[in-house]
N, C-alpha and C. Protein backbone atom coordinates (compact mmCIF):
# COMPACT_ATOMS: atom_id res chain seq x y z
N MET A 1 22.70 -19.92 7.01
CA MET A 1 23.26 -19.48 8.13
C MET A 1 22.82 -20.45 9.49
N GLY A 2 23.76 -21.03 10.12
CA GLY A 2 23.45 -21.96 11.09
C GLY A 2 23.64 -21.27 12.52
N LEU A 3 23.75 -19.94 12.36
CA LEU A 3 24.06 -19.22 13.78
C LEU A 3 22.95 -19.12 14.52
N ARG A 4 22.99 -18.98 15.80
CA ARG A 4 21.91 -18.70 16.71
C ARG A 4 21.88 -17.10 16.80
N LEU A 5 20.80 -16.63 16.77
CA LEU A 5 20.86 -15.09 16.79
C LEU A 5 20.80 -14.47 18.22
N THR A 6 21.92 -14.75 18.81
CA THR A 6 22.17 -14.02 20.04
C THR A 6 22.39 -12.47 19.95
N ARG A 7 22.20 -11.89 20.96
CA ARG A 7 22.47 -10.37 20.91
C ARG A 7 23.64 -10.01 20.30
N ALA A 8 24.89 -10.63 20.51
CA ALA A 8 26.12 -10.28 19.87
C ALA A 8 26.04 -10.71 18.33
N VAL A 9 25.44 -11.78 17.86
CA VAL A 9 25.25 -12.10 16.54
C VAL A 9 24.35 -11.24 15.83
N ARG A 10 23.32 -10.81 16.33
CA ARG A 10 22.32 -9.86 15.88
C ARG A 10 23.07 -8.50 15.67
N GLN A 11 23.78 -7.98 16.51
CA GLN A 11 24.72 -6.77 16.33
C GLN A 11 25.63 -6.83 15.27
N GLN A 12 26.25 -8.07 15.21
CA GLN A 12 27.20 -7.99 14.03
C GLN A 12 26.40 -8.02 12.71
N LEU A 13 25.39 -8.64 12.77
CA LEU A 13 24.63 -8.67 11.42
C LEU A 13 24.18 -7.18 11.16
N LEU A 14 23.77 -6.57 12.16
CA LEU A 14 23.27 -5.08 11.79
C LEU A 14 24.62 -4.19 11.58
N ASP A 15 25.77 -4.47 12.16
CA ASP A 15 27.16 -3.92 11.78
C ASP A 15 27.34 -4.06 10.34
N ASN A 16 27.40 -5.32 9.89
CA ASN A 16 27.80 -5.67 8.67
C ASN A 16 27.08 -5.50 7.32
N ASN A 17 25.80 -5.07 7.83
CA ASN A 17 24.90 -4.79 6.73
C ASN A 17 24.18 -3.44 6.64
N ASP A 18 25.15 -2.43 7.26
CA ASP A 18 24.64 -0.97 7.17
C ASP A 18 24.28 -0.62 5.83
N GLY A 19 23.34 0.14 5.64
CA GLY A 19 22.71 0.32 4.45
C GLY A 19 21.66 -0.51 3.60
N PHE A 20 21.64 -1.56 4.21
CA PHE A 20 20.41 -2.49 3.81
C PHE A 20 19.26 -2.10 3.87
N THR A 21 18.26 -2.04 2.97
CA THR A 21 16.97 -1.77 2.90
C THR A 21 16.08 -2.58 2.20
N ILE A 22 14.73 -2.86 2.78
CA ILE A 22 13.94 -3.83 2.05
C ILE A 22 12.50 -3.29 2.69
N SER A 23 11.41 -3.54 1.63
CA SER A 23 10.11 -2.93 1.88
C SER A 23 9.30 -4.50 1.82
N THR A 24 8.16 -4.24 2.59
CA THR A 24 7.18 -5.33 2.71
C THR A 24 5.75 -4.87 2.50
N TYR A 25 4.88 -5.42 1.98
CA TYR A 25 3.68 -4.97 1.98
C TYR A 25 2.38 -5.88 2.39
N TYR A 26 1.32 -5.45 3.06
CA TYR A 26 0.64 -6.21 3.59
C TYR A 26 -0.96 -5.72 3.33
N GLU A 27 -1.91 -6.52 2.97
CA GLU A 27 -3.30 -5.84 2.68
C GLU A 27 -4.24 -6.89 2.99
N GLU A 28 -5.43 -6.37 3.66
CA GLU A 28 -6.43 -7.24 3.89
C GLU A 28 -7.55 -6.31 3.71
N LYS A 29 -8.88 -6.82 4.07
CA LYS A 29 -10.25 -6.23 3.68
C LYS A 29 -10.09 -4.69 4.07
N ASN A 30 -9.79 -4.41 5.31
CA ASN A 30 -10.05 -2.98 5.79
C ASN A 30 -8.61 -2.37 6.13
N PHE A 31 -7.58 -3.00 5.80
CA PHE A 31 -6.27 -2.45 6.13
C PHE A 31 -5.32 -2.79 5.03
N ARG A 32 -4.38 -1.71 5.01
CA ARG A 32 -3.21 -1.97 4.12
C ARG A 32 -1.83 -1.25 4.66
N GLU A 33 -0.76 -1.75 4.58
CA GLU A 33 0.30 -1.34 5.12
C GLU A 33 1.58 -1.44 4.37
N GLN A 34 2.62 -0.60 4.09
CA GLN A 34 3.88 -0.76 3.58
C GLN A 34 4.88 -0.62 4.79
N ARG A 35 5.83 -1.37 4.95
CA ARG A 35 6.92 -1.26 6.01
C ARG A 35 8.22 -1.02 5.16
N ASP A 36 8.91 0.06 5.50
CA ASP A 36 10.22 0.05 4.97
C ASP A 36 11.16 -0.13 6.19
N TYR A 37 12.29 -1.23 5.98
CA TYR A 37 13.10 -1.33 7.03
C TYR A 37 14.36 -1.08 6.45
N SER A 38 15.11 -0.34 7.14
CA SER A 38 16.51 0.07 6.97
C SER A 38 17.45 -0.32 8.02
N ILE A 39 18.85 -0.55 7.71
CA ILE A 39 19.66 -0.71 8.72
C ILE A 39 20.70 0.47 8.76
N LYS A 40 20.81 1.11 9.67
CA LYS A 40 21.55 2.46 9.91
C LYS A 40 22.45 2.43 11.22
N ASP A 41 23.59 2.77 11.14
CA ASP A 41 24.40 2.84 12.51
C ASP A 41 24.09 1.68 13.47
N GLY A 42 24.10 0.59 13.01
CA GLY A 42 23.93 -0.67 13.88
C GLY A 42 22.59 -0.77 14.46
N LYS A 43 21.55 0.00 13.86
CA LYS A 43 20.16 -0.36 14.49
C LYS A 43 19.32 -0.54 13.29
N LEU A 44 18.01 -1.13 13.49
CA LEU A 44 17.06 -1.39 12.51
C LEU A 44 15.98 -0.33 12.54
N HIS A 45 15.70 0.38 11.50
CA HIS A 45 14.80 1.43 11.60
C HIS A 45 13.65 0.98 10.82
N ILE A 46 12.43 1.21 11.22
CA ILE A 46 11.16 0.77 10.58
C ILE A 46 10.24 1.96 10.36
N ARG A 47 9.58 2.11 9.04
CA ARG A 47 8.69 3.06 8.70
C ARG A 47 7.56 2.39 8.19
N ALA A 48 6.42 2.60 8.95
CA ALA A 48 5.09 2.20 8.62
C ALA A 48 4.11 3.00 7.93
N ARG A 49 3.70 2.79 6.68
CA ARG A 49 2.79 3.53 6.23
C ARG A 49 1.47 2.93 5.69
N GLY A 50 0.32 3.49 5.85
CA GLY A 50 -0.73 2.74 5.24
C GLY A 50 -2.17 3.55 5.70
N LYS A 51 -3.11 2.66 5.70
CA LYS A 51 -4.52 3.10 5.82
C LYS A 51 -5.42 1.94 6.44
N THR A 52 -6.30 2.38 7.36
CA THR A 52 -7.31 1.55 7.88
C THR A 52 -8.75 1.98 7.23
N SER A 53 -9.69 1.27 7.59
CA SER A 53 -11.08 1.54 7.13
C SER A 53 -11.73 2.78 7.82
N TRP A 54 -11.12 3.41 8.74
CA TRP A 54 -11.70 4.47 9.45
C TRP A 54 -11.51 5.81 8.44
N ALA A 55 -12.40 6.95 8.70
CA ALA A 55 -12.11 7.98 8.00
C ALA A 55 -10.95 8.80 8.58
N ASP A 56 -10.25 9.36 7.73
CA ASP A 56 -8.87 10.05 8.39
C ASP A 56 -7.84 9.04 8.93
N SER A 57 -7.79 7.87 8.28
CA SER A 57 -6.97 6.87 9.06
C SER A 57 -5.59 6.52 8.39
N HIS A 58 -5.22 7.38 7.59
CA HIS A 58 -3.90 7.23 7.10
C HIS A 58 -2.70 7.32 8.37
N PHE A 59 -1.70 6.46 8.18
CA PHE A 59 -0.69 6.56 9.19
C PHE A 59 0.62 6.54 8.51
N ASP A 60 1.59 7.12 9.18
CA ASP A 60 2.95 7.23 8.69
C ASP A 60 3.82 7.27 10.01
N ASP A 61 4.32 6.16 10.44
CA ASP A 61 5.05 6.13 11.70
C ASP A 61 6.58 5.67 11.55
N GLU A 62 7.41 6.14 12.36
CA GLU A 62 8.86 5.62 12.12
C GLU A 62 9.35 5.50 13.68
N TRP A 63 10.20 4.41 13.69
CA TRP A 63 10.72 3.99 14.97
C TRP A 63 11.96 3.25 14.79
N VAL A 64 12.81 3.16 15.75
CA VAL A 64 13.87 2.24 15.79
C VAL A 64 13.26 0.62 16.60
N ALA A 65 13.63 -0.22 15.80
CA ALA A 65 13.02 -1.53 16.31
C ALA A 65 13.64 -1.93 17.52
N ASP A 66 12.82 -2.70 18.48
CA ASP A 66 13.38 -3.08 19.79
C ASP A 66 13.91 -4.51 19.44
N GLU A 67 14.52 -4.92 20.60
CA GLU A 67 15.08 -6.30 20.55
C GLU A 67 14.24 -7.51 19.77
N ASP A 68 13.07 -7.57 20.22
CA ASP A 68 12.15 -8.51 19.53
C ASP A 68 12.08 -8.42 17.97
N GLU A 69 11.62 -7.01 17.73
CA GLU A 69 11.28 -6.85 16.29
C GLU A 69 12.69 -7.12 15.42
N THR A 70 13.87 -6.78 15.81
CA THR A 70 15.11 -6.84 15.22
C THR A 70 15.26 -8.33 15.00
N HIS A 71 15.31 -9.05 16.08
CA HIS A 71 15.27 -10.62 16.23
C HIS A 71 14.31 -11.16 15.00
N ARG A 72 13.09 -10.92 15.00
CA ARG A 72 12.24 -11.40 14.02
C ARG A 72 12.65 -10.89 12.55
N PHE A 73 13.03 -9.65 12.47
CA PHE A 73 13.48 -9.22 11.06
C PHE A 73 14.69 -9.89 10.59
N LEU A 74 15.71 -10.13 11.46
CA LEU A 74 16.92 -10.82 10.95
C LEU A 74 16.48 -12.38 10.69
N TYR A 75 15.74 -12.89 11.49
CA TYR A 75 15.52 -14.30 11.31
C TYR A 75 14.84 -14.33 9.90
N ARG A 76 13.82 -13.69 9.61
CA ARG A 76 13.13 -13.60 8.27
C ARG A 76 14.05 -13.37 7.16
N HIS A 77 14.98 -12.56 7.21
CA HIS A 77 15.80 -11.87 6.15
C HIS A 77 17.09 -12.52 6.17
N LYS A 78 17.38 -13.55 7.07
CA LYS A 78 18.95 -14.02 7.21
C LYS A 78 19.57 -14.31 5.85
N ASP A 79 18.59 -14.77 4.84
CA ASP A 79 19.45 -15.32 3.63
C ASP A 79 19.75 -14.29 2.73
N GLU A 80 19.10 -13.12 2.99
CA GLU A 80 19.57 -11.77 2.14
C GLU A 80 20.67 -10.85 2.80
N LEU A 81 21.16 -11.35 4.00
CA LEU A 81 22.04 -10.46 4.75
C LEU A 81 23.52 -11.02 4.53
N VAL A 82 24.50 -10.36 4.73
CA VAL A 82 25.94 -10.76 4.75
C VAL A 82 26.21 -11.58 5.93
């Protein structure tokens, strides 16, 4: 893909890849996180689940990606998208 990821191109990728999902996992000494990414209705949805070193430190958060998060995601995964 040699396209620049302009706002219009990002939106076209999101629209063309509705239903695409992928998970990532990150772990270091006192932290672990799984992120589930899904493209629905022209938006990138993120769910982050994990644990830090603090007691009662489990987290499970969901949000719609902002412009920067969407750009980074599409750039990293451009070879997997239509």
